[in-house]
Amino acid sequence: MINKCIHLEELLESEVSVIKQNIEEWKEFKHIKNDEKAYRSYIKNYGEWMREQYCGLICKDRHDCKLAKKYLTD
């Protein structure tokens, strides 16, 4: 059983990719002009959801990972 994330780099790369694809729309939707504030806001609102998606659905080691167990669906 894996007790720590061994795919952290891939997780972060996927999160950055999602944020980059959506940040301009997020800034407009939330009326945020500053990029840094927009990134923080996006992560605050969607960071856990992005981890859930990656760890529960994408990670190749999700079935052997103690951390991912809470994100797995039946």
Protein backbone atom coordinates (compact mmCIF):
# COMPACT_ATOMS: atom_id res chain seq x y z
CA MET A 1 0.00 0.00 0.00
CA ILE A 2 1.38 3.42 -0.99
CA ASN A 3 1.30 5.92 1.90
CA LYS A 4 2.33 9.10 0.08
CA CYS A 5 1.71 10.53 -3.37
CA ILE A 6 4.33 9.24 -5.78
CA HIS A 7 2.73 11.06 -8.71
CA LEU A 8 2.70 14.55 -7.25
CA GLU A 9 4.42 16.06 -10.28
CA GLU A 10 1.80 14.60 -12.63
CA LEU A 11 -1.01 15.72 -10.32
CA LEU A 12 0.30 19.28 -10.26
CA GLU A 13 0.88 19.31 -14.02
CA SER A 14 -2.71 18.26 -14.62
CA GLU A 15 -4.00 20.91 -12.20
CA VAL A 16 -1.91 23.63 -13.87
CA SER A 17 -3.21 22.53 -17.27
CA VAL A 18 -6.84 22.77 -16.13
CA ILE A 19 -6.29 26.16 -14.53
CA LYS A 20 -4.55 27.59 -17.61
CA GLN A 21 -7.43 26.44 -19.80
CA ASN A 22 -10.03 28.08 -17.58
CA ILE A 23 -8.43 31.06 -15.86
CA GLU A 24 -9.59 33.78 -18.24
CA GLU A 25 -13.23 32.68 -17.99
CA TRP A 26 -12.81 32.38 -14.20
CA LYS A 27 -11.44 35.93 -13.99
CA GLU A 28 -14.39 37.24 -15.96
CA PHE A 29 -16.93 35.19 -13.99
CA LYS A 30 -15.51 36.27 -10.61
CA HIS A 31 -14.67 39.82 -11.73
CA ILE A 32 -11.01 39.39 -10.83
CA LYS A 33 -8.38 41.32 -12.76
CA ASN A 34 -5.24 40.20 -10.95
CA ASP A 35 -3.85 36.88 -12.22
CA GLU A 36 -2.45 35.81 -8.86
CA LYS A 37 -5.75 36.42 -7.09
CA ALA A 38 -7.57 34.54 -9.83
CA TYR A 39 -5.27 31.52 -9.48
CA ARG A 40 -5.74 31.48 -5.71
CA SER A 41 -9.50 31.78 -6.07
CA TYR A 42 -9.67 28.97 -8.62
CA ILE A 43 -7.55 26.65 -6.47
CA LYS A 44 -9.59 27.49 -3.37
CA ASN A 45 -12.80 26.60 -5.20
CA TYR A 46 -11.65 23.67 -7.32
CA GLY A 47 -8.37 22.37 -5.87
CA GLU A 48 -9.91 19.52 -3.90
CA TRP A 49 -12.19 18.58 -6.81
CA MET A 50 -9.21 18.44 -9.19
CA ARG A 51 -7.35 16.18 -6.77
CA GLU A 52 -10.41 13.98 -6.43
CA GLN A 53 -10.63 13.62 -10.20
CA TYR A 54 -6.94 12.86 -10.62
CA CYS A 55 -6.53 10.53 -7.66
CA GLY A 56 -9.88 8.79 -8.01
CA LEU A 57 -10.07 8.41 -11.77
CA ILE A 58 -6.74 9.05 -13.50
CA CYS A 59 -3.82 7.97 -11.32
CA LYS A 60 -2.51 4.58 -12.42
CA ASP A 61 -1.72 3.60 -8.82
CA ARG A 62 -5.04 4.72 -7.32
CA HIS A 63 -6.10 1.21 -6.26
CA ASP A 64 -2.87 0.72 -4.29
CA CYS A 65 -2.75 4.20 -2.76
CA LYS A 66 -3.91 4.86 0.78
CA LEU A 67 -4.49 8.56 -0.04
CA ALA A 68 -6.59 7.85 -3.14
CA LYS A 69 -8.92 5.34 -1.45
CA LYS A 70 -11.31 8.10 -0.33
CA TYR A 71 -11.70 9.26 -3.94
CA LEU A 72 -12.40 5.88 -5.54
CA THR A 73 -15.88 5.13 -6.77
CA ASP A 74 -17.47 1.71 -6.84
